Amino acid sequence: MSSMLHTPNGRSDVLAFVAQNLRRLRLRSGLSQAALAQASGISRRMIVSLEGGETNISLSSLDRLAEALGASFVDLVSDPDAHSRRIDAVAWRGARPESEAVLLGSVPARNEAQLWTWSLGPGDRYAAEADPEGWHEMVAVTEGRLRIELAAGPITVETSGYAIYSSAQTYAYVNAHAGVTRFIRSVVS
């Protein structure tokens, strides 16, 4: 599975909040679903399905919706009743049960900063669309070996190593290890 948000049964993941937050933020902005679709480039049908809690969406599409609403990614995916930026919610699952990304929290930066834990099972891969200009990632591998595929060429990061790069390009995380690879990811804009 690529960069799609999805919620397995019985888990409290970010999609549990997307429907409620999307509708609340859209109404606060005074936008109809059609106007939000035009502003974000996301189809009205997708917006209707998201507000109804009936569909999955890519992480980059959530970024586009947030931008059109004058909100942040975290505003869309966090528990609206939480009083801190600690999120602790699964935002992505791969094809293997060991593969997941957990958004730990977020703090204000120029625009936003996010802290994630990731794990990729053997052979699993996460492909991402380019972030807006000015976004960067810092990745620190805590177990295994991670290959980061960038336009300038791949970077391989071993356990206890790290990489820093602009995420304003398409990129992918690939488990380059026979076991599970785990890493911490910080996203800053």
N, C-alpha and C. Protein backbone atom coordinates (compact mmCIF):
# COMPACT_ATOMS: atom_id res chain seq x y z
N MET A 1 0.84 -1.17 0.00
CA MET A 1 0.00 0.00 0.00
C MET A 1 0.88 1.22 0.00
N SER A 2 0.50 2.23 -0.71
CA SER A 2 1.37 3.38 -0.84
C SER A 2 1.13 4.38 0.26
N SER A 3 0.88 5.60 -0.10
CA SER A 3 0.80 6.66 0.87
C SER A 3 -0.63 6.93 1.33
N MET A 4 -1.43 5.90 1.43
CA MET A 4 -2.83 6.07 1.80
C MET A 4 -3.03 5.95 3.30
N LEU A 5 -3.86 6.82 3.83
CA LEU A 5 -4.32 6.69 5.20
C LEU A 5 -5.41 5.63 5.20
N HIS A 6 -5.39 4.76 6.17
CA HIS A 6 -6.50 3.83 6.29
C HIS A 6 -6.56 3.30 7.71
N THR A 7 -7.76 2.92 8.11
CA THR A 7 -7.99 2.52 9.48
C THR A 7 -8.41 1.06 9.54
N PRO A 8 -7.57 0.19 10.15
CA PRO A 8 -7.99 -1.18 10.35
C PRO A 8 -9.11 -1.22 11.41
N ASN A 9 -9.92 -2.22 11.35
CA ASN A 9 -11.01 -2.35 12.33
C ASN A 9 -10.48 -2.39 13.74
N GLY A 10 -11.19 -1.69 14.64
CA GLY A 10 -10.87 -1.75 16.05
C GLY A 10 -9.70 -0.88 16.48
N ARG A 11 -9.16 -0.03 15.64
CA ARG A 11 -8.03 0.82 16.01
C ARG A 11 -8.48 2.26 16.04
N SER A 12 -7.84 3.06 16.88
CA SER A 12 -8.10 4.48 16.92
C SER A 12 -7.00 5.18 16.13
N ASP A 13 -7.23 5.38 14.85
CA ASP A 13 -6.25 5.97 13.98
C ASP A 13 -6.76 7.32 13.48
N VAL A 14 -5.91 8.02 12.73
CA VAL A 14 -6.24 9.38 12.33
C VAL A 14 -7.51 9.49 11.51
N LEU A 15 -7.86 8.48 10.72
CA LEU A 15 -9.08 8.60 9.92
C LEU A 15 -10.32 8.72 10.79
N ALA A 16 -10.20 8.29 12.03
CA ALA A 16 -11.33 8.43 12.94
C ALA A 16 -11.65 9.90 13.17
N PHE A 17 -10.67 10.79 12.98
CA PHE A 17 -10.87 12.21 13.22
C PHE A 17 -11.01 13.03 11.94
N VAL A 18 -10.57 12.50 10.80
CA VAL A 18 -10.56 13.27 9.56
C VAL A 18 -11.97 13.73 9.20
N ALA A 19 -12.95 12.86 9.25
CA ALA A 19 -14.32 13.22 8.85
C ALA A 19 -14.82 14.40 9.68
N GLN A 20 -14.70 14.29 10.98
CA GLN A 20 -15.19 15.34 11.89
C GLN A 20 -14.41 16.65 11.69
N ASN A 21 -13.09 16.56 11.61
CA ASN A 21 -12.27 17.77 11.47
C ASN A 21 -12.46 18.43 10.12
N LEU A 22 -12.55 17.63 9.05
CA LEU A 22 -12.71 18.20 7.72
C LEU A 22 -13.99 19.01 7.63
N ARG A 23 -15.07 18.44 8.11
CA ARG A 23 -16.37 19.14 8.07
C ARG A 23 -16.31 20.41 8.93
N ARG A 24 -15.77 20.31 10.14
CA ARG A 24 -15.70 21.45 11.05
C ARG A 24 -14.86 22.57 10.43
N LEU A 25 -13.69 22.23 9.89
CA LEU A 25 -12.81 23.24 9.31
C LEU A 25 -13.39 23.83 8.03
N ARG A 26 -14.07 23.01 7.25
CA ARG A 26 -14.69 23.51 6.01
C ARG A 26 -15.79 24.51 6.35
N LEU A 27 -16.63 24.17 7.32
CA LEU A 27 -17.71 25.08 7.71
C LEU A 27 -17.15 26.36 8.33
N ARG A 28 -16.09 26.22 9.14
CA ARG A 28 -15.45 27.40 9.75
C ARG A 28 -14.92 28.33 8.67
N SER A 29 -14.43 27.76 7.58
CA SER A 29 -13.89 28.55 6.48
C SER A 29 -14.98 29.10 5.56
N GLY A 30 -16.22 28.67 5.77
CA GLY A 30 -17.33 29.14 4.96
C GLY A 30 -17.32 28.58 3.55
N LEU A 31 -16.72 27.40 3.37
CA LEU A 31 -16.62 26.79 2.05
C LEU A 31 -17.65 25.67 1.89
N SER A 32 -18.24 25.61 0.71
CA SER A 32 -19.06 24.45 0.36
C SER A 32 -18.11 23.32 -0.01
N GLN A 33 -18.63 22.11 -0.14
CA GLN A 33 -17.80 21.00 -0.58
C GLN A 33 -17.26 21.26 -1.98
N ALA A 34 -18.08 21.84 -2.84
CA ALA A 34 -17.64 22.14 -4.21
C ALA A 34 -16.52 23.19 -4.20
N ALA A 35 -16.65 24.21 -3.37
CA ALA A 35 -15.61 25.25 -3.30
C ALA A 35 -14.31 24.68 -2.74
N LEU A 36 -14.40 23.81 -1.75
CA LEU A 36 -13.20 23.17 -1.20
C LEU A 36 -12.56 22.27 -2.25
N ALA A 37 -13.37 21.58 -3.02
CA ALA A 37 -12.84 20.73 -4.09
C ALA A 37 -12.05 21.57 -5.09
N GLN A 38 -12.61 22.69 -5.48
CA GLN A 38 -11.93 23.55 -6.45
C GLN A 38 -10.64 24.13 -5.85
N ALA A 39 -10.67 24.55 -4.59
CA ALA A 39 -9.51 25.17 -3.95
C ALA A 39 -8.38 24.17 -3.70
N SER A 40 -8.73 22.92 -3.46
CA SER A 40 -7.73 21.91 -3.09
C SER A 40 -7.30 21.02 -4.24
N GLY A 41 -8.12 20.95 -5.29
CA GLY A 41 -7.83 20.02 -6.37
C GLY A 41 -8.24 18.60 -6.04
N ILE A 42 -8.97 18.41 -4.95
CA ILE A 42 -9.50 17.10 -4.54
C ILE A 42 -10.96 17.05 -5.00
N SER A 43 -11.39 15.95 -5.55
CA SER A 43 -12.75 15.89 -6.09
C SER A 43 -13.80 16.07 -4.99
N ARG A 44 -14.92 16.65 -5.38
CA ARG A 44 -16.04 16.82 -4.45
C ARG A 44 -16.50 15.45 -3.93
N ARG A 45 -16.51 14.46 -4.80
CA ARG A 45 -16.92 13.11 -4.40
C ARG A 45 -16.02 12.59 -3.27
N MET A 46 -14.69 12.83 -3.38
CA MET A 46 -13.76 12.40 -2.34
C MET A 46 -14.05 13.14 -1.03
N ILE A 47 -14.32 14.44 -1.11
CA ILE A 47 -14.62 15.23 0.08
C ILE A 47 -15.89 14.73 0.75
N VAL A 48 -16.92 14.46 -0.03
CA VAL A 48 -18.18 13.91 0.51
C VAL A 48 -17.90 12.59 1.21
N SER A 49 -17.13 11.71 0.57
CA SER A 49 -16.81 10.41 1.15
C SER A 49 -15.99 10.55 2.42
N LEU A 50 -15.03 11.47 2.42
CA LEU A 50 -14.21 11.68 3.63
C LEU A 50 -15.06 12.19 4.79
N GLU A 51 -15.91 13.16 4.52
CA GLU A 51 -16.77 13.69 5.59
C GLU A 51 -17.74 12.63 6.10
N GLY A 52 -18.05 11.68 5.25
CA GLY A 52 -18.93 10.58 5.67
C GLY A 52 -18.17 9.43 6.29
N GLY A 53 -16.85 9.54 6.36
CA GLY A 53 -16.03 8.49 6.96
C GLY A 53 -15.99 7.23 6.12
N GLU A 54 -16.17 7.37 4.80
CA GLU A 54 -16.32 6.20 3.94
C GLU A 54 -15.14 5.90 3.03
N THR A 55 -14.03 6.62 3.14
CA THR A 55 -12.94 6.40 2.18
C THR A 55 -11.59 6.68 2.81
N ASN A 56 -10.55 6.25 2.13
CA ASN A 56 -9.17 6.54 2.50
C ASN A 56 -8.67 7.67 1.63
N ILE A 57 -7.54 8.26 2.03
CA ILE A 57 -6.98 9.38 1.27
C ILE A 57 -5.47 9.37 1.43
N SER A 58 -4.76 9.86 0.44
CA SER A 58 -3.31 9.93 0.54
C SER A 58 -2.91 11.04 1.50
N LEU A 59 -1.73 10.90 2.08
CA LEU A 59 -1.22 11.92 2.99
C LEU A 59 -1.04 13.25 2.27
N SER A 60 -0.57 13.22 1.03
CA SER A 60 -0.37 14.47 0.29
C SER A 60 -1.72 15.14 -0.04
N SER A 61 -2.75 14.35 -0.27
CA SER A 61 -4.08 14.94 -0.51
C SER A 61 -4.60 15.61 0.75
N LEU A 62 -4.32 15.03 1.92
CA LEU A 62 -4.70 15.68 3.17
C LEU A 62 -3.97 17.01 3.32
N ASP A 63 -2.70 17.05 2.94
CA ASP A 63 -1.95 18.31 2.97
C ASP A 63 -2.63 19.36 2.09
N ARG A 64 -3.08 18.96 0.91
CA ARG A 64 -3.73 19.92 -0.01
C ARG A 64 -5.05 20.42 0.57
N LEU A 65 -5.81 19.52 1.20
CA LEU A 65 -7.06 19.94 1.84
C LEU A 65 -6.78 20.92 2.98
N ALA A 66 -5.78 20.60 3.80
CA ALA A 66 -5.43 21.47 4.92
C ALA A 66 -5.04 22.85 4.42
N GLU A 67 -4.20 22.90 3.38
CA GLU A 67 -3.77 24.19 2.84
C GLU A 67 -4.97 25.00 2.34
N ALA A 68 -5.89 24.36 1.64
CA ALA A 68 -7.07 25.05 1.12
C ALA A 68 -7.96 25.57 2.25
N LEU A 69 -7.90 24.90 3.41
CA LEU A 69 -8.71 25.31 4.56
C LEU A 69 -7.98 26.30 5.47
N GLY A 70 -6.72 26.60 5.14
CA GLY A 70 -5.94 27.47 6.02
C GLY A 70 -5.62 26.78 7.34
N ALA A 71 -5.48 25.48 7.28
CA ALA A 71 -5.21 24.67 8.47
C ALA A 71 -3.93 23.87 8.23
N SER A 72 -3.55 23.06 9.20
CA SER A 72 -2.38 22.21 9.06
C SER A 72 -2.83 20.76 8.91
N PHE A 73 -1.90 19.93 8.45
CA PHE A 73 -2.15 18.49 8.38
C PHE A 73 -2.60 17.97 9.74
N VAL A 74 -1.92 18.41 10.79
CA VAL A 74 -2.24 17.95 12.15
C VAL A 74 -3.65 18.37 12.55
N ASP A 75 -4.09 19.56 12.13
CA ASP A 75 -5.47 19.99 12.42
C ASP A 75 -6.49 19.01 11.86
N LEU A 76 -6.18 18.41 10.72
CA LEU A 76 -7.11 17.47 10.09
C LEU A 76 -7.10 16.10 10.76
N VAL A 77 -5.95 15.66 11.27
CA VAL A 77 -5.84 14.27 11.72
C VAL A 77 -5.86 14.08 13.23
N SER A 78 -5.78 15.15 14.00
CA SER A 78 -5.69 14.98 15.45
C SER A 78 -7.07 14.95 16.11
N ASP A 79 -7.09 14.41 17.28
CA ASP A 79 -8.31 14.34 18.09
C ASP A 79 -8.74 15.77 18.42
N PRO A 80 -9.93 16.19 18.00
CA PRO A 80 -10.34 17.57 18.25
C PRO A 80 -10.55 17.86 19.73
N ASP A 81 -10.67 16.84 20.56
CA ASP A 81 -10.85 17.04 21.99
C ASP A 81 -9.54 17.02 22.77
N ALA A 82 -8.42 16.74 22.09
CA ALA A 82 -7.12 16.69 22.77
C ALA A 82 -6.66 18.09 23.11
N HIS A 83 -5.94 18.22 24.21
CA HIS A 83 -5.46 19.53 24.66
C HIS A 83 -3.97 19.70 24.46
N SER A 84 -3.33 18.74 23.79
CA SER A 84 -1.91 18.87 23.49
C SER A 84 -1.68 18.45 22.06
N ARG A 85 -0.46 18.61 21.57
CA ARG A 85 -0.12 18.21 20.22
C ARG A 85 0.43 16.79 20.19
N ARG A 86 0.27 16.05 21.29
CA ARG A 86 0.65 14.65 21.31
C ARG A 86 -0.48 13.90 20.60
N ILE A 87 -0.14 13.17 19.54
CA ILE A 87 -1.17 12.56 18.70
C ILE A 87 -1.19 11.04 18.84
N ASP A 88 -0.03 10.38 18.71
CA ASP A 88 0.07 8.92 18.86
C ASP A 88 -0.99 8.16 18.07
N ALA A 89 -1.05 8.39 16.77
CA ALA A 89 -2.06 7.72 15.94
C ALA A 89 -1.41 7.13 14.69
N VAL A 90 -1.85 5.93 14.32
CA VAL A 90 -1.36 5.30 13.10
C VAL A 90 -1.91 6.07 11.91
N ALA A 91 -1.00 6.49 11.01
CA ALA A 91 -1.41 7.25 9.83
C ALA A 91 -1.18 6.49 8.53
N TRP A 92 -0.40 5.40 8.59
CA TRP A 92 -0.15 4.60 7.38
C TRP A 92 0.17 3.17 7.80
N ARG A 93 -0.31 2.24 7.00
CA ARG A 93 0.03 0.82 7.16
C ARG A 93 0.48 0.30 5.81
N GLY A 94 1.53 -0.53 5.82
CA GLY A 94 2.03 -1.12 4.60
C GLY A 94 1.39 -2.47 4.33
N ALA A 95 1.95 -3.15 3.38
CA ALA A 95 1.43 -4.46 3.00
C ALA A 95 1.71 -5.51 4.08
N ARG A 96 2.78 -5.31 4.84
CA ARG A 96 3.16 -6.26 5.90
C ARG A 96 2.63 -5.76 7.24
N PRO A 97 2.24 -6.66 8.15
CA PRO A 97 1.69 -6.22 9.43
C PRO A 97 2.68 -5.40 10.27
N GLU A 98 3.99 -5.58 10.03
CA GLU A 98 4.99 -4.83 10.80
C GLU A 98 5.17 -3.42 10.29
N SER A 99 4.58 -3.08 9.17
CA SER A 99 4.82 -1.80 8.52
C SER A 99 3.76 -0.78 8.91
N GLU A 100 4.20 0.30 9.56
CA GLU A 100 3.27 1.34 9.94
C GLU A 100 4.02 2.63 10.22
N ALA A 101 3.29 3.74 10.15
CA ALA A 101 3.81 5.05 10.52
C ALA A 101 2.90 5.61 11.59
N VAL A 102 3.50 6.05 12.69
CA VAL A 102 2.74 6.62 13.79
C VAL A 102 3.12 8.08 13.94
N LEU A 103 2.16 8.98 13.79
CA LEU A 103 2.40 10.39 14.03
C LEU A 103 2.39 10.59 15.54
N LEU A 104 3.56 10.91 16.10
CA LEU A 104 3.69 11.07 17.55
C LEU A 104 3.15 12.41 18.02
N GLY A 105 3.47 13.47 17.30
CA GLY A 105 3.01 14.78 17.72
C GLY A 105 3.47 15.84 16.76
N SER A 106 3.14 17.06 17.09
CA SER A 106 3.48 18.19 16.23
C SER A 106 3.64 19.43 17.10
N VAL A 107 4.55 20.31 16.68
CA VAL A 107 4.73 21.60 17.35
C VAL A 107 4.78 22.67 16.27
N PRO A 108 4.50 23.91 16.64
CA PRO A 108 4.59 24.97 15.64
C PRO A 108 6.02 25.15 15.16
N ALA A 109 6.18 25.43 13.89
CA ALA A 109 7.45 25.82 13.30
C ALA A 109 7.11 27.01 12.42
N ARG A 110 7.88 27.26 11.39
CA ARG A 110 7.47 28.34 10.50
C ARG A 110 6.02 28.07 10.09
N ASN A 111 5.77 26.84 9.72
CA ASN A 111 4.41 26.39 9.47
C ASN A 111 4.06 25.25 10.41
N GLU A 112 4.92 24.21 10.43
CA GLU A 112 4.59 23.01 11.18
C GLU A 112 5.81 22.13 11.34
N ALA A 113 5.84 21.36 12.42
CA ALA A 113 6.85 20.32 12.62
C ALA A 113 6.12 19.08 13.12
N GLN A 114 6.54 17.92 12.62
CA GLN A 114 5.89 16.66 13.00
C GLN A 114 6.96 15.65 13.40
N LEU A 115 6.64 14.80 14.36
CA LEU A 115 7.52 13.73 14.79
C LEU A 115 6.79 12.41 14.61
N TRP A 116 7.43 11.46 13.91
CA TRP A 116 6.82 10.18 13.56
C TRP A 116 7.72 9.03 13.98
N THR A 117 7.13 7.87 14.26
CA THR A 117 7.87 6.62 14.29
C THR A 117 7.36 5.80 13.10
N TRP A 118 8.28 5.10 12.45
CA TRP A 118 7.94 4.28 11.29
C TRP A 118 8.54 2.90 11.48
N SER A 119 7.90 1.92 10.91
CA SER A 119 8.48 0.59 10.79
C SER A 119 8.07 0.03 9.43
N LEU A 120 9.01 -0.65 8.80
CA LEU A 120 8.75 -1.28 7.50
C LEU A 120 9.14 -2.75 7.61
N GLY A 121 8.23 -3.63 7.25
CA GLY A 121 8.52 -5.05 7.23
C GLY A 121 9.44 -5.38 6.07
N PRO A 122 9.99 -6.59 6.05
CA PRO A 122 10.90 -7.00 4.98
C PRO A 122 10.28 -6.78 3.60
N GLY A 123 11.00 -6.08 2.73
CA GLY A 123 10.55 -5.84 1.37
C GLY A 123 9.51 -4.75 1.21
N ASP A 124 9.06 -4.13 2.30
CA ASP A 124 8.00 -3.13 2.18
C ASP A 124 8.58 -1.78 1.76
N ARG A 125 7.71 -0.95 1.18
CA ARG A 125 8.10 0.33 0.59
C ARG A 125 6.98 1.33 0.80
N TYR A 126 7.34 2.57 1.07
CA TYR A 126 6.39 3.67 1.16
C TYR A 126 6.80 4.71 0.12
N ALA A 127 5.92 5.04 -0.81
CA ALA A 127 6.20 6.04 -1.84
C ALA A 127 5.44 7.31 -1.50
N ALA A 128 6.14 8.45 -1.55
CA ALA A 128 5.53 9.73 -1.19
C ALA A 128 5.57 10.69 -2.36
N GLU A 129 4.57 11.54 -2.43
CA GLU A 129 4.57 12.63 -3.38
C GLU A 129 5.41 13.76 -2.81
N ALA A 130 5.83 14.67 -3.64
CA ALA A 130 6.64 15.80 -3.18
C ALA A 130 5.84 16.71 -2.26
N ASP A 131 6.50 17.17 -1.20
CA ASP A 131 5.92 18.18 -0.32
C ASP A 131 6.12 19.55 -0.96
N PRO A 132 5.46 20.57 -0.44
CA PRO A 132 5.68 21.91 -0.98
C PRO A 132 7.14 22.36 -0.76
N GLU A 133 7.58 23.32 -1.55
CA GLU A 133 8.93 23.88 -1.42
C GLU A 133 9.13 24.37 0.02
N GLY A 134 10.30 24.12 0.57
CA GLY A 134 10.61 24.56 1.94
C GLY A 134 10.43 23.48 2.99
N TRP A 135 9.87 22.32 2.64
CA TRP A 135 9.70 21.24 3.60
C TRP A 135 10.96 20.38 3.61
N HIS A 136 11.31 19.87 4.78
CA HIS A 136 12.48 19.01 4.95
C HIS A 136 12.14 17.85 5.87
N GLU A 137 12.94 16.80 5.75
CA GLU A 137 12.80 15.65 6.64
C GLU A 137 14.15 15.31 7.25
N MET A 138 14.08 14.84 8.48
CA MET A 138 15.24 14.29 9.18
C MET A 138 14.83 12.89 9.61
N VAL A 139 15.60 11.89 9.21
CA VAL A 139 15.27 10.50 9.48
C VAL A 139 16.43 9.87 10.24
N ALA A 140 16.13 9.22 11.36
CA ALA A 140 17.15 8.50 12.14
C ALA A 140 16.73 7.05 12.27
N VAL A 141 17.57 6.13 11.81
CA VAL A 141 17.25 4.70 11.83
C VAL A 141 17.63 4.12 13.19
N THR A 142 16.67 3.47 13.83
CA THR A 142 16.92 2.85 15.13
C THR A 142 17.13 1.35 15.05
N GLU A 143 16.72 0.75 13.92
CA GLU A 143 16.89 -0.70 13.73
C GLU A 143 16.82 -1.01 12.24
N GLY A 144 17.74 -1.82 11.75
CA GLY A 144 17.70 -2.26 10.36
C GLY A 144 18.47 -1.34 9.43
N ARG A 145 18.03 -1.29 8.17
CA ARG A 145 18.69 -0.51 7.13
C ARG A 145 17.58 0.08 6.24
N LEU A 146 17.63 1.39 6.06
CA LEU A 146 16.61 2.09 5.28
C LEU A 146 17.24 2.69 4.04
N ARG A 147 16.62 2.44 2.89
CA ARG A 147 17.04 3.11 1.66
C ARG A 147 16.01 4.19 1.37
N ILE A 148 16.50 5.42 1.20
CA ILE A 148 15.64 6.54 0.87
C ILE A 148 15.91 6.86 -0.60
N GLU A 149 14.90 6.67 -1.43
CA GLU A 149 15.04 6.92 -2.87
C GLU A 149 14.66 8.36 -3.17
N LEU A 150 15.66 9.14 -3.58
CA LEU A 150 15.48 10.56 -3.90
C LEU A 150 15.80 10.79 -5.38
N ALA A 151 15.38 11.93 -5.91
CA ALA A 151 15.66 12.26 -7.30
C ALA A 151 17.17 12.28 -7.59
N ALA A 152 17.98 12.74 -6.63
CA ALA A 152 19.44 12.81 -6.81
C ALA A 152 20.10 11.45 -6.64
N GLY A 153 19.36 10.45 -6.27
CA GLY A 153 19.92 9.12 -6.06
C GLY A 153 19.59 8.61 -4.67
N PRO A 154 19.68 7.30 -4.47
CA PRO A 154 19.31 6.72 -3.19
C PRO A 154 20.34 6.99 -2.09
N ILE A 155 19.84 7.05 -0.87
CA ILE A 155 20.67 7.16 0.33
C ILE A 155 20.35 5.92 1.16
N THR A 156 21.35 5.21 1.62
CA THR A 156 21.13 4.08 2.52
C THR A 156 21.58 4.48 3.91
N VAL A 157 20.69 4.30 4.88
CA VAL A 157 20.96 4.69 6.26
C VAL A 157 20.95 3.43 7.13
N GLU A 158 22.06 3.18 7.79
CA GLU A 158 22.20 2.02 8.68
C GLU A 158 21.68 2.36 10.08
N THR A 159 21.53 1.35 10.92
CA THR A 159 21.15 1.55 12.32
C THR A 159 22.07 2.59 12.96
N SER A 160 21.49 3.51 13.69
CA SER A 160 22.16 4.63 14.37
C SER A 160 22.59 5.73 13.42
N GLY A 161 22.31 5.61 12.13
CA GLY A 161 22.63 6.66 11.18
C GLY A 161 21.42 7.54 10.92
N TYR A 162 21.66 8.63 10.18
CA TYR A 162 20.56 9.54 9.88
C TYR A 162 20.77 10.19 8.52
N ALA A 163 19.70 10.79 8.02
CA ALA A 163 19.74 11.54 6.76
C ALA A 163 18.87 12.78 6.90
N ILE A 164 19.28 13.85 6.24
CA ILE A 164 18.51 15.09 6.21
C ILE A 164 18.41 15.50 4.75
N TYR A 165 17.19 15.83 4.30
CA TYR A 165 17.00 16.15 2.89
C TYR A 165 15.72 16.95 2.71
N SER A 166 15.64 17.61 1.57
CA SER A 166 14.42 18.32 1.20
C SER A 166 13.38 17.28 0.78
N SER A 167 12.18 17.41 1.28
CA SER A 167 11.10 16.50 0.86
C SER A 167 10.22 17.15 -0.20
N ALA A 168 10.72 18.25 -0.80
CA ALA A 168 10.02 18.90 -1.90
C ALA A 168 10.38 18.19 -3.21
N GLN A 169 10.33 16.88 -3.18
CA GLN A 169 10.60 16.01 -4.32
C GLN A 169 9.92 14.67 -4.03
N THR A 170 9.62 13.91 -5.06
CA THR A 170 9.09 12.58 -4.79
C THR A 170 10.20 11.77 -4.13
N TYR A 171 9.81 10.90 -3.24
CA TYR A 171 10.79 10.07 -2.54
C TYR A 171 10.10 8.80 -2.05
N ALA A 172 10.90 7.85 -1.63
CA ALA A 172 10.34 6.60 -1.12
C ALA A 172 11.23 6.07 -0.02
N TYR A 173 10.63 5.38 0.94
CA TYR A 173 11.34 4.64 1.97
C TYR A 173 11.26 3.17 1.59
N VAL A 174 12.39 2.48 1.61
CA VAL A 174 12.43 1.06 1.28
C VAL A 174 13.20 0.33 2.37
N ASN A 175 12.62 -0.74 2.89
CA ASN A 175 13.33 -1.57 3.86
C ASN A 175 14.41 -2.34 3.11
N ALA A 176 15.67 -2.02 3.39
CA ALA A 176 16.80 -2.69 2.74
C ALA A 176 17.45 -3.66 3.71
N HIS A 177 16.64 -4.35 4.49
CA HIS A 177 17.10 -5.22 5.56
C HIS A 177 16.23 -6.48 5.56
N ALA A 178 16.77 -7.59 6.00
CA ALA A 178 16.01 -8.85 6.01
C ALA A 178 14.94 -8.86 7.10
N GLY A 179 15.11 -8.06 8.14
CA GLY A 179 14.13 -7.98 9.23
C GLY A 179 13.37 -6.66 9.14
N VAL A 180 12.74 -6.30 10.24
CA VAL A 180 11.99 -5.04 10.31
C VAL A 180 12.99 -3.88 10.42
N THR A 181 12.71 -2.80 9.71
CA THR A 181 13.48 -1.57 9.84
C THR A 181 12.60 -0.55 10.55
N ARG A 182 13.18 0.10 11.56
CA ARG A 182 12.45 1.12 12.34
C ARG A 182 13.23 2.42 12.28
N PHE A 183 12.48 3.51 12.20
CA PHE A 183 13.14 4.81 12.17
C PHE A 183 12.24 5.90 12.72
N ILE A 184 12.87 6.99 13.11
CA ILE A 184 12.17 8.19 13.58
C ILE A 184 12.25 9.19 12.42
N ARG A 185 11.14 9.84 12.16
CA ARG A 185 11.05 10.80 11.05
C ARG A 185 10.54 12.13 11.61
N SER A 186 11.25 13.19 11.34
CA SER A 186 10.83 14.53 11.71
C SER A 186 10.61 15.32 10.43
N VAL A 187 9.45 15.94 10.30
CA VAL A 187 9.09 16.72 9.13
C VAL A 187 8.95 18.17 9.58
N VAL A 188 9.62 19.07 8.87
CA VAL A 188 9.60 20.48 9.26
C VAL A 188 9.30 21.34 8.04
N SER A 189 8.43 22.32 8.24
CA SER A 189 8.14 23.28 7.16
C SER A 189 8.27 24.69 7.69
